[in-house]
Amino acid sequence: MRIVGTKIQLRDWTVHDLPRVHDLLRPDRPWHRTNGPYFGLPDAASMAQAAERTIARDPSEPRVTLGIETDGVLVGQVNWYWESEVTDWRRLGISIQDEAYWGRGLATEALALWTSYLFDATDTLRLDLATYSGNRGMLGVARRLGFVEEARMRKARRWSGGVHDAVVMGVLREEWDVLRTGWTAVVR
């Protein structure tokens, strides 16, 4: 599967991606400092296992994860997981893991395409993402796309010499139906 936008495409993983995924998941990559850093930096062995799991995923419908590619280079990934399967509550994730590609609007387009895909492929009523107030990039992407701050747990995380809020940003299907008009995607 490929979902083609203007700057990026979301695509299925292939076995040929494994060396690049290993590189993107290296523990010294800067993205680990904003992606739940309070859980501690991962070690090389756990990231190697994560790379293997990423590539080995069954391409079920809807897809659980896709790679983010720009100009033929794999730069990150999108995913979703169940916050509560019983109540059909899906939570999104996105990361541009190659810092050389930060600040180019790739995450914004990737999250827009991913949100559209998941609303099209499911009958879910809402999608959200969870982060913390120190992840300004993720919060900015969500706000640019029209996600609404739905929850803020104040002073939830003591981290790196400071205190941060936990934040949940969400969008409803009917809101996305209006917001998505600016985001064109071709699924192949």
N, C-alpha and C. Protein backbone atom coordinates (compact mmCIF):
# COMPACT_ATOMS: atom_id res chain seq x y z
N MET A 1 0.84 -1.18 0.00
CA MET A 1 0.00 0.00 0.00
C MET A 1 0.88 1.24 0.00
N ARG A 2 0.46 2.22 -0.76
CA ARG A 2 1.12 3.53 -0.79
C ARG A 2 0.03 4.60 -0.74
N ILE A 3 0.24 5.58 0.13
CA ILE A 3 -0.64 6.75 0.20
C ILE A 3 0.26 7.92 -0.18
N VAL A 4 -0.02 8.50 -1.33
CA VAL A 4 0.88 9.49 -1.91
C VAL A 4 0.34 10.89 -1.68
N GLY A 5 1.18 11.73 -1.07
CA GLY A 5 0.86 13.14 -0.88
C GLY A 5 1.73 13.98 -1.79
N THR A 6 1.96 15.23 -1.41
CA THR A 6 2.77 16.11 -2.25
C THR A 6 4.25 16.07 -1.86
N LYS A 7 4.54 15.97 -0.54
CA LYS A 7 5.93 15.93 -0.06
C LYS A 7 6.37 14.53 0.32
N ILE A 8 5.42 13.72 0.75
CA ILE A 8 5.77 12.40 1.29
C ILE A 8 4.83 11.35 0.74
N GLN A 9 5.19 10.11 1.00
CA GLN A 9 4.25 9.02 0.81
C GLN A 9 4.34 8.12 2.04
N LEU A 10 3.21 7.59 2.42
CA LEU A 10 3.16 6.57 3.46
C LEU A 10 3.14 5.25 2.72
N ARG A 11 3.94 4.29 3.17
CA ARG A 11 4.01 3.04 2.43
C ARG A 11 4.27 1.85 3.34
N ASP A 12 3.91 0.69 2.82
CA ASP A 12 4.18 -0.56 3.53
C ASP A 12 5.68 -0.74 3.70
N TRP A 13 6.02 -1.49 4.72
CA TRP A 13 7.42 -1.84 4.99
C TRP A 13 7.83 -3.00 4.11
N THR A 14 9.11 -3.04 3.77
CA THR A 14 9.66 -4.19 3.04
C THR A 14 10.89 -4.68 3.78
N VAL A 15 11.28 -5.90 3.49
CA VAL A 15 12.47 -6.46 4.12
C VAL A 15 13.71 -5.62 3.79
N HIS A 16 13.70 -4.95 2.67
CA HIS A 16 14.83 -4.10 2.27
C HIS A 16 14.97 -2.86 3.17
N ASP A 17 13.90 -2.54 3.92
CA ASP A 17 13.94 -1.38 4.82
C ASP A 17 14.70 -1.66 6.11
N LEU A 18 14.96 -2.91 6.41
CA LEU A 18 15.50 -3.27 7.72
C LEU A 18 16.77 -2.50 8.10
N PRO A 19 17.79 -2.39 7.23
CA PRO A 19 18.97 -1.62 7.65
C PRO A 19 18.64 -0.16 7.96
N ARG A 20 17.77 0.44 7.17
CA ARG A 20 17.39 1.84 7.41
C ARG A 20 16.60 1.97 8.72
N VAL A 21 15.69 1.04 8.97
CA VAL A 21 14.91 1.09 10.21
C VAL A 21 15.84 0.94 11.42
N HIS A 22 16.81 0.03 11.32
CA HIS A 22 17.80 -0.09 12.40
C HIS A 22 18.48 1.26 12.64
N ASP A 23 18.86 1.95 11.56
CA ASP A 23 19.52 3.24 11.68
C ASP A 23 18.58 4.28 12.31
N LEU A 24 17.33 4.33 11.86
CA LEU A 24 16.38 5.31 12.38
C LEU A 24 16.06 5.10 13.86
N LEU A 25 16.12 3.86 14.31
CA LEU A 25 15.77 3.55 15.70
C LEU A 25 16.97 3.57 16.64
N ARG A 26 18.15 3.92 16.13
CA ARG A 26 19.33 3.97 17.01
C ARG A 26 19.03 4.81 18.26
N PRO A 27 19.46 4.35 19.42
CA PRO A 27 19.19 5.07 20.67
C PRO A 27 19.76 6.49 20.72
N ASP A 28 20.77 6.80 19.92
CA ASP A 28 21.35 8.15 19.96
C ASP A 28 20.62 9.14 19.06
N ARG A 29 19.58 8.71 18.36
CA ARG A 29 18.82 9.63 17.50
C ARG A 29 18.07 10.66 18.36
N PRO A 30 18.09 11.94 17.98
CA PRO A 30 17.45 12.99 18.78
C PRO A 30 15.94 12.82 18.99
N TRP A 31 15.24 12.13 18.11
CA TRP A 31 13.79 12.00 18.27
C TRP A 31 13.43 11.29 19.57
N HIS A 32 14.32 10.48 20.09
CA HIS A 32 14.04 9.79 21.36
C HIS A 32 13.90 10.79 22.52
N ARG A 33 14.45 12.00 22.37
CA ARG A 33 14.39 12.99 23.45
C ARG A 33 13.02 13.65 23.57
N THR A 34 12.15 13.49 22.58
CA THR A 34 10.80 14.06 22.67
C THR A 34 9.71 12.98 22.65
N ASN A 35 10.04 11.79 22.28
CA ASN A 35 9.06 10.71 22.17
C ASN A 35 9.05 9.90 23.47
N GLY A 36 8.33 10.41 24.47
CA GLY A 36 8.26 9.74 25.76
C GLY A 36 9.60 9.57 26.44
N PRO A 37 10.43 10.63 26.50
CA PRO A 37 11.77 10.48 27.06
C PRO A 37 11.77 10.10 28.54
N TYR A 38 10.68 10.39 29.22
CA TYR A 38 10.57 10.08 30.65
C TYR A 38 10.51 8.58 30.91
N PHE A 39 10.32 7.78 29.86
CA PHE A 39 10.37 6.32 30.02
C PHE A 39 11.82 5.82 29.98
N GLY A 40 12.74 6.72 29.69
CA GLY A 40 14.15 6.36 29.60
C GLY A 40 14.54 6.07 28.16
N LEU A 41 15.78 6.34 27.85
CA LEU A 41 16.26 6.08 26.50
C LEU A 41 16.35 4.58 26.27
N PRO A 42 15.95 4.14 25.08
CA PRO A 42 16.01 2.70 24.80
C PRO A 42 17.45 2.24 24.62
N ASP A 43 17.67 0.96 24.81
CA ASP A 43 19.00 0.42 24.54
C ASP A 43 19.02 -0.13 23.12
N ALA A 44 20.20 -0.39 22.63
CA ALA A 44 20.37 -0.85 21.24
C ALA A 44 19.65 -2.17 21.00
N ALA A 45 19.67 -3.07 21.96
CA ALA A 45 19.02 -4.38 21.77
C ALA A 45 17.50 -4.23 21.62
N SER A 46 16.88 -3.39 22.44
CA SER A 46 15.42 -3.22 22.33
C SER A 46 15.05 -2.53 21.03
N MET A 47 15.87 -1.61 20.55
CA MET A 47 15.59 -0.95 19.28
C MET A 47 15.80 -1.91 18.11
N ALA A 48 16.76 -2.80 18.20
CA ALA A 48 16.96 -3.81 17.15
C ALA A 48 15.74 -4.73 17.08
N GLN A 49 15.21 -5.11 18.24
CA GLN A 49 14.00 -5.94 18.26
C GLN A 49 12.82 -5.18 17.68
N ALA A 50 12.71 -3.89 18.01
CA ALA A 50 11.62 -3.06 17.47
C ALA A 50 11.71 -2.97 15.95
N ALA A 51 12.91 -2.85 15.42
CA ALA A 51 13.09 -2.79 13.96
C ALA A 51 12.61 -4.09 13.32
N GLU A 52 12.97 -5.21 13.91
CA GLU A 52 12.54 -6.51 13.37
C GLU A 52 11.02 -6.64 13.41
N ARG A 53 10.40 -6.20 14.51
CA ARG A 53 8.93 -6.27 14.64
C ARG A 53 8.24 -5.37 13.62
N THR A 54 8.81 -4.20 13.39
CA THR A 54 8.23 -3.26 12.44
C THR A 54 8.15 -3.89 11.05
N ILE A 55 9.25 -4.46 10.61
CA ILE A 55 9.31 -5.05 9.27
C ILE A 55 8.45 -6.30 9.17
N ALA A 56 8.33 -7.06 10.24
CA ALA A 56 7.61 -8.33 10.22
C ALA A 56 6.10 -8.18 10.39
N ARG A 57 5.60 -6.97 10.60
CA ARG A 57 4.16 -6.79 10.83
C ARG A 57 3.33 -7.32 9.67
N ASP A 58 2.23 -7.94 10.04
CA ASP A 58 1.26 -8.41 9.07
C ASP A 58 0.56 -7.19 8.45
N PRO A 59 0.50 -7.10 7.14
CA PRO A 59 -0.16 -5.95 6.52
C PRO A 59 -1.69 -6.08 6.59
N SER A 60 -2.22 -6.00 7.79
CA SER A 60 -3.66 -6.13 7.98
C SER A 60 -4.36 -4.84 7.58
N GLU A 61 -5.65 -4.90 7.52
CA GLU A 61 -6.47 -3.72 7.24
C GLU A 61 -7.25 -3.37 8.48
N PRO A 62 -7.29 -2.16 8.93
CA PRO A 62 -6.43 -1.11 8.42
C PRO A 62 -4.99 -1.34 8.85
N ARG A 63 -4.07 -0.78 8.10
CA ARG A 63 -2.67 -0.91 8.45
C ARG A 63 -2.45 -0.35 9.85
N VAL A 64 -1.55 -0.97 10.60
CA VAL A 64 -1.21 -0.52 11.94
C VAL A 64 -0.06 0.48 11.89
N THR A 65 0.81 0.32 10.91
CA THR A 65 1.96 1.21 10.76
C THR A 65 2.34 1.27 9.29
N LEU A 66 2.84 2.42 8.89
CA LEU A 66 3.40 2.61 7.55
C LEU A 66 4.66 3.45 7.69
N GLY A 67 5.57 3.27 6.76
CA GLY A 67 6.77 4.09 6.73
C GLY A 67 6.47 5.43 6.08
N ILE A 68 7.22 6.44 6.46
CA ILE A 68 7.13 7.77 5.83
C ILE A 68 8.36 7.92 4.96
N GLU A 69 8.12 8.15 3.68
CA GLU A 69 9.20 8.28 2.71
C GLU A 69 9.09 9.63 2.01
N THR A 70 10.23 10.26 1.78
CA THR A 70 10.29 11.48 0.98
C THR A 70 11.50 11.39 0.06
N ASP A 71 11.32 11.73 -1.18
CA ASP A 71 12.40 11.70 -2.16
C ASP A 71 13.16 10.37 -2.14
N GLY A 72 12.43 9.28 -1.96
CA GLY A 72 13.03 7.95 -1.97
C GLY A 72 13.76 7.56 -0.70
N VAL A 73 13.65 8.39 0.35
CA VAL A 73 14.34 8.12 1.62
C VAL A 73 13.31 7.85 2.71
N LEU A 74 13.45 6.74 3.41
CA LEU A 74 12.61 6.42 4.56
C LEU A 74 13.06 7.30 5.73
N VAL A 75 12.12 8.11 6.28
CA VAL A 75 12.51 9.08 7.30
C VAL A 75 11.77 8.91 8.63
N GLY A 76 10.76 8.05 8.67
CA GLY A 76 10.00 7.89 9.91
C GLY A 76 8.85 6.93 9.74
N GLN A 77 7.88 7.04 10.64
CA GLN A 77 6.73 6.14 10.58
C GLN A 77 5.51 6.75 11.24
N VAL A 78 4.35 6.24 10.83
CA VAL A 78 3.08 6.52 11.48
C VAL A 78 2.56 5.19 12.02
N ASN A 79 1.74 5.28 13.07
CA ASN A 79 1.13 4.07 13.60
C ASN A 79 -0.14 4.43 14.34
N TRP A 80 -0.85 3.42 14.75
CA TRP A 80 -1.97 3.60 15.66
C TRP A 80 -2.02 2.37 16.56
N TYR A 81 -2.64 2.55 17.71
CA TYR A 81 -2.83 1.44 18.64
C TYR A 81 -4.14 1.64 19.37
N TRP A 82 -4.61 0.59 19.99
CA TRP A 82 -5.85 0.66 20.74
C TRP A 82 -5.62 1.31 22.08
N GLU A 83 -6.30 2.38 22.33
CA GLU A 83 -6.42 2.88 23.70
C GLU A 83 -7.47 2.02 24.40
N SER A 84 -8.54 1.66 23.64
CA SER A 84 -9.57 0.73 24.12
C SER A 84 -10.25 0.11 22.92
N GLU A 85 -9.93 -1.14 22.64
CA GLU A 85 -10.57 -1.82 21.51
C GLU A 85 -12.06 -2.01 21.75
N VAL A 86 -12.45 -2.28 22.98
CA VAL A 86 -13.86 -2.51 23.32
C VAL A 86 -14.72 -1.31 22.94
N THR A 87 -14.16 -0.10 23.09
CA THR A 87 -14.93 1.11 22.78
C THR A 87 -14.51 1.77 21.47
N ASP A 88 -13.68 1.08 20.67
CA ASP A 88 -13.22 1.58 19.37
C ASP A 88 -12.47 2.91 19.50
N TRP A 89 -11.55 2.97 20.44
CA TRP A 89 -10.78 4.18 20.71
C TRP A 89 -9.36 3.95 20.22
N ARG A 90 -9.02 4.62 19.11
CA ARG A 90 -7.70 4.48 18.49
C ARG A 90 -6.85 5.70 18.79
N ARG A 91 -5.58 5.45 19.05
CA ARG A 91 -4.62 6.52 19.33
C ARG A 91 -3.53 6.49 18.26
N LEU A 92 -3.20 7.66 17.74
CA LEU A 92 -2.23 7.80 16.67
C LEU A 92 -0.83 8.05 17.19
N GLY A 93 0.14 7.70 16.38
CA GLY A 93 1.51 8.05 16.63
C GLY A 93 2.19 8.42 15.33
N ILE A 94 3.16 9.29 15.41
CA ILE A 94 3.94 9.69 14.23
C ILE A 94 5.32 10.13 14.71
N SER A 95 6.32 9.81 13.92
CA SER A 95 7.65 10.33 14.23
C SER A 95 8.47 10.45 12.95
N ILE A 96 9.06 11.61 12.80
CA ILE A 96 10.10 11.80 11.78
C ILE A 96 11.39 11.50 12.53
N GLN A 97 11.97 10.35 12.25
CA GLN A 97 13.08 9.84 13.04
C GLN A 97 14.44 10.28 12.53
N ASP A 98 14.49 10.79 11.32
CA ASP A 98 15.75 11.31 10.78
C ASP A 98 15.72 12.83 10.94
N GLU A 99 16.51 13.31 11.88
CA GLU A 99 16.51 14.72 12.22
C GLU A 99 16.90 15.63 11.05
N ALA A 100 17.55 15.11 10.04
CA ALA A 100 17.90 15.92 8.87
C ALA A 100 16.65 16.36 8.11
N TYR A 101 15.51 15.74 8.40
CA TYR A 101 14.27 16.05 7.70
C TYR A 101 13.28 16.81 8.58
N TRP A 102 13.69 17.26 9.74
CA TRP A 102 12.82 18.04 10.61
C TRP A 102 12.61 19.43 10.03
N GLY A 103 11.46 20.02 10.33
CA GLY A 103 11.18 21.40 9.96
C GLY A 103 10.79 21.60 8.51
N ARG A 104 10.41 20.53 7.83
CA ARG A 104 10.05 20.63 6.41
C ARG A 104 8.55 20.41 6.16
N GLY A 105 7.77 20.26 7.23
CA GLY A 105 6.34 20.02 7.07
C GLY A 105 5.98 18.57 6.77
N LEU A 106 6.95 17.68 6.86
CA LEU A 106 6.69 16.28 6.53
C LEU A 106 5.77 15.63 7.56
N ALA A 107 5.96 15.93 8.83
CA ALA A 107 5.11 15.35 9.87
C ALA A 107 3.67 15.81 9.73
N THR A 108 3.48 17.06 9.38
CA THR A 108 2.12 17.59 9.21
C THR A 108 1.41 16.85 8.08
N GLU A 109 2.08 16.71 6.94
CA GLU A 109 1.45 16.00 5.83
C GLU A 109 1.25 14.52 6.16
N ALA A 110 2.22 13.90 6.82
CA ALA A 110 2.09 12.49 7.17
C ALA A 110 0.91 12.26 8.10
N LEU A 111 0.76 13.10 9.12
CA LEU A 111 -0.35 12.93 10.05
C LEU A 111 -1.69 13.19 9.36
N ALA A 112 -1.72 14.15 8.45
CA ALA A 112 -2.96 14.41 7.70
C ALA A 112 -3.35 13.21 6.84
N LEU A 113 -2.40 12.65 6.11
CA LEU A 113 -2.68 11.49 5.27
C LEU A 113 -3.09 10.28 6.11
N TRP A 114 -2.41 10.08 7.23
CA TRP A 114 -2.69 8.96 8.12
C TRP A 114 -4.09 9.09 8.74
N THR A 115 -4.43 10.30 9.17
CA THR A 115 -5.76 10.54 9.74
C THR A 115 -6.84 10.27 8.69
N SER A 116 -6.64 10.77 7.48
CA SER A 116 -7.62 10.52 6.40
C SER A 116 -7.74 9.03 6.13
N TYR A 117 -6.62 8.36 6.02
CA TYR A 117 -6.64 6.91 5.76
C TYR A 117 -7.43 6.17 6.84
N LEU A 118 -7.16 6.46 8.10
CA LEU A 118 -7.83 5.72 9.17
C LEU A 118 -9.32 6.02 9.23
N PHE A 119 -9.72 7.26 8.97
CA PHE A 119 -11.16 7.54 8.92
C PHE A 119 -11.80 6.85 7.72
N ASP A 120 -11.09 6.76 6.59
CA ASP A 120 -11.63 6.10 5.40
C ASP A 120 -11.69 4.58 5.56
N ALA A 121 -10.72 4.00 6.27
CA ALA A 121 -10.60 2.55 6.37
C ALA A 121 -11.39 1.96 7.54
N THR A 122 -11.91 2.80 8.42
CA THR A 122 -12.64 2.32 9.59
C THR A 122 -13.92 3.13 9.75
N ASP A 123 -14.73 2.73 10.71
CA ASP A 123 -15.91 3.53 11.02
C ASP A 123 -15.75 4.24 12.37
N THR A 124 -14.49 4.40 12.80
CA THR A 124 -14.22 5.05 14.08
C THR A 124 -14.77 6.47 14.09
N LEU A 125 -15.17 6.92 15.25
CA LEU A 125 -15.78 8.24 15.39
C LEU A 125 -14.76 9.34 15.70
N ARG A 126 -13.59 8.94 16.23
CA ARG A 126 -12.59 9.92 16.63
C ARG A 126 -11.22 9.29 16.60
N LEU A 127 -10.22 10.14 16.50
CA LEU A 127 -8.81 9.73 16.60
C LEU A 127 -8.12 10.73 17.51
N ASP A 128 -7.12 10.26 18.24
CA ASP A 128 -6.36 11.20 19.06
C ASP A 128 -4.91 10.80 19.13
N LEU A 129 -4.12 11.67 19.71
CA LEU A 129 -2.71 11.39 19.99
C LEU A 129 -2.41 11.93 21.38
N ALA A 130 -1.46 11.30 22.03
CA ALA A 130 -1.08 11.71 23.38
C ALA A 130 0.41 12.04 23.38
N THR A 131 0.75 13.12 24.07
CA THR A 131 2.14 13.53 24.19
C THR A 131 2.30 14.30 25.49
N TYR A 132 3.34 15.08 25.60
CA TYR A 132 3.53 15.91 26.78
C TYR A 132 3.90 17.32 26.33
N SER A 133 3.76 18.27 27.23
CA SER A 133 3.92 19.67 26.86
C SER A 133 5.32 20.00 26.36
N GLY A 134 6.29 19.16 26.64
CA GLY A 134 7.64 19.38 26.14
C GLY A 134 7.84 18.99 24.69
N ASN A 135 6.87 18.31 24.10
CA ASN A 135 6.96 17.91 22.70
C ASN A 135 6.24 18.95 21.84
N ARG A 136 6.86 20.10 21.71
CA ARG A 136 6.23 21.22 20.99
C ARG A 136 5.99 20.91 19.52
N GLY A 137 6.86 20.10 18.92
CA GLY A 137 6.69 19.74 17.52
C GLY A 137 5.40 18.97 17.29
N MET A 138 5.15 17.94 18.10
CA MET A 138 3.94 17.14 17.96
C MET A 138 2.69 17.97 18.23
N LEU A 139 2.74 18.80 19.25
CA LEU A 139 1.59 19.66 19.55
C LEU A 139 1.32 20.65 18.41
N GLY A 140 2.38 21.19 17.83
CA GLY A 140 2.22 22.13 16.72
C GLY A 140 1.62 21.46 15.50
N VAL A 141 2.07 20.26 15.18
CA VAL A 141 1.52 19.51 14.04
C VAL A 141 0.03 19.27 14.26
N ALA A 142 -0.33 18.79 15.45
CA ALA A 142 -1.74 18.50 15.73
C ALA A 142 -2.59 19.77 15.62
N ARG A 143 -2.11 20.86 16.18
CA ARG A 143 -2.88 22.12 16.11
C ARG A 143 -3.02 22.61 14.67
N ARG A 144 -1.94 22.54 13.88
CA ARG A 144 -2.01 22.97 12.48
C ARG A 144 -3.08 22.21 11.71
N LEU A 145 -3.27 20.95 12.06
CA LEU A 145 -4.24 20.12 11.36
C LEU A 145 -5.66 20.27 11.90
N GLY A 146 -5.84 21.01 12.98
CA GLY A 146 -7.17 21.21 13.54
C GLY A 146 -7.54 20.25 14.65
N PHE A 147 -6.58 19.45 15.13
CA PHE A 147 -6.85 18.63 16.31
C PHE A 147 -7.11 19.58 17.48
N VAL A 148 -7.98 19.17 18.37
CA VAL A 148 -8.39 19.98 19.50
C VAL A 148 -7.78 19.41 20.77
N GLU A 149 -7.30 20.28 21.64
CA GLU A 149 -6.81 19.80 22.94
C GLU A 149 -8.01 19.31 23.74
N GLU A 150 -8.02 18.02 24.03
CA GLU A 150 -9.14 17.41 24.74
C GLU A 150 -8.83 17.13 26.21
N ALA A 151 -7.57 17.02 26.53
CA ALA A 151 -7.19 16.75 27.92
C ALA A 151 -5.81 17.31 28.20
N ARG A 152 -5.67 17.83 29.37
CA ARG A 152 -4.36 18.30 29.85
C ARG A 152 -4.29 17.92 31.32
N MET A 153 -3.40 17.00 31.61
CA MET A 153 -3.16 16.63 32.98
C MET A 153 -1.97 17.47 33.45
N ARG A 154 -2.28 18.46 34.24
CA ARG A 154 -1.27 19.44 34.64
C ARG A 154 -0.23 18.82 35.57
N LYS A 155 1.01 19.22 35.33
CA LYS A 155 2.15 18.78 36.16
C LYS A 155 2.19 17.26 36.31
N ALA A 156 1.94 16.57 35.21
CA ALA A 156 1.88 15.10 35.25
C ALA A 156 3.25 14.45 35.16
N ARG A 157 4.24 15.15 34.63
CA ARG A 157 5.54 14.52 34.41
C ARG A 157 6.67 15.41 34.90
N ARG A 158 7.43 14.89 35.85
CA ARG A 158 8.67 15.54 36.25
C ARG A 158 9.73 14.97 35.32
N TRP A 159 10.37 15.87 34.58
CA TRP A 159 11.33 15.37 33.61
C TRP A 159 12.37 16.42 33.30
N SER A 160 13.61 16.00 33.23
CA SER A 160 14.71 16.82 32.76
C SER A 160 14.79 18.17 33.47
N GLY A 161 14.62 18.14 34.78
CA GLY A 161 14.72 19.35 35.57
C GLY A 161 13.50 20.25 35.52
N GLY A 162 12.41 19.77 34.91
CA GLY A 162 11.20 20.57 34.82
C GLY A 162 9.97 19.73 35.10
N VAL A 163 8.84 20.38 35.04
CA VAL A 163 7.56 19.71 35.23
C VAL A 163 6.74 19.97 33.97
N HIS A 164 6.16 18.90 33.42
CA HIS A 164 5.43 19.00 32.16
C HIS A 164 4.01 18.46 32.30
N ASP A 165 3.13 18.99 31.48
CA ASP A 165 1.76 18.49 31.41
C ASP A 165 1.69 17.32 30.44
N ALA A 166 0.77 16.40 30.67
CA ALA A 166 0.41 15.38 29.68
C ALA A 166 -0.74 15.96 28.86
N VAL A 167 -0.71 15.77 27.54
CA VAL A 167 -1.69 16.40 26.66
C VAL A 167 -2.25 15.38 25.68
N VAL A 168 -3.57 15.43 25.47
CA VAL A 168 -4.24 14.61 24.46
C VAL A 168 -4.91 15.56 23.47
N MET A 169 -4.61 15.36 22.19
CA MET A 169 -5.20 16.15 21.10
C MET A 169 -6.05 15.20 20.25
N GLY A 170 -7.27 15.60 19.92
CA GLY A 170 -8.13 14.71 19.15
C GLY A 170 -8.91 15.43 18.07
N VAL A 171 -9.46 14.61 17.17
CA VAL A 171 -10.30 15.13 16.09
C VAL A 171 -11.44 14.14 15.86
N LEU A 172 -12.62 14.67 15.66
CA LEU A 172 -13.80 13.86 15.37
C LEU A 172 -13.94 13.67 13.87
N ARG A 173 -14.57 12.59 13.48
CA ARG A 173 -14.78 12.29 12.06
C ARG A 173 -15.42 13.48 11.33
N GLU A 174 -16.50 14.05 11.90
CA GLU A 174 -17.19 15.13 11.21
C GLU A 174 -16.32 16.39 11.11
N GLU A 175 -15.45 16.60 12.07
CA GLU A 175 -14.51 17.72 11.98
C GLU A 175 -13.49 17.47 10.87
N TRP A 176 -12.98 16.24 10.82
CA TRP A 176 -11.97 15.91 9.81
C TRP A 176 -12.54 15.97 8.41
N ASP A 177 -13.80 15.62 8.25
CA ASP A 177 -14.43 15.69 6.93
C ASP A 177 -14.35 17.11 6.36
N VAL A 178 -14.39 18.11 7.22
CA VAL A 178 -14.26 19.51 6.79
C VAL A 178 -12.79 19.88 6.65
N LEU A 179 -11.97 19.51 7.61
CA LEU A 179 -10.55 19.91 7.64
C LEU A 179 -9.72 19.26 6.54
N ARG A 180 -10.08 18.08 6.14
CA ARG A 180 -9.24 17.29 5.22
C ARG A 180 -9.25 17.82 3.80
N THR A 181 -10.10 18.72 3.46
CA THR A 181 -10.19 19.17 2.08
C THR A 181 -8.88 19.73 1.55
N GLY A 182 -8.04 20.23 2.44
CA GLY A 182 -6.75 20.75 2.02
C GLY A 182 -5.69 19.68 1.83
N TRP A 183 -5.99 18.43 2.12
CA TRP A 183 -5.01 17.36 2.07
C TRP A 183 -5.42 16.33 1.05
N THR A 184 -4.71 16.29 -0.06
CA THR A 184 -5.02 15.36 -1.11
C THR A 184 -4.15 14.10 -0.95
N ALA A 185 -4.77 12.96 -1.08
CA ALA A 185 -4.03 11.71 -0.97
C ALA A 185 -4.51 10.74 -2.04
N VAL A 186 -3.59 9.98 -2.56
CA VAL A 186 -3.91 8.93 -3.52
C VAL A 186 -3.44 7.62 -2.91
N VAL A 187 -4.39 6.69 -2.70
CA VAL A 187 -4.05 5.37 -2.15
C VAL A 187 -3.83 4.42 -3.31
N ARG A 188 -2.70 3.75 -3.28
CA ARG A 188 -2.37 2.80 -4.36
C ARG A 188 -2.14 1.44 -3.78
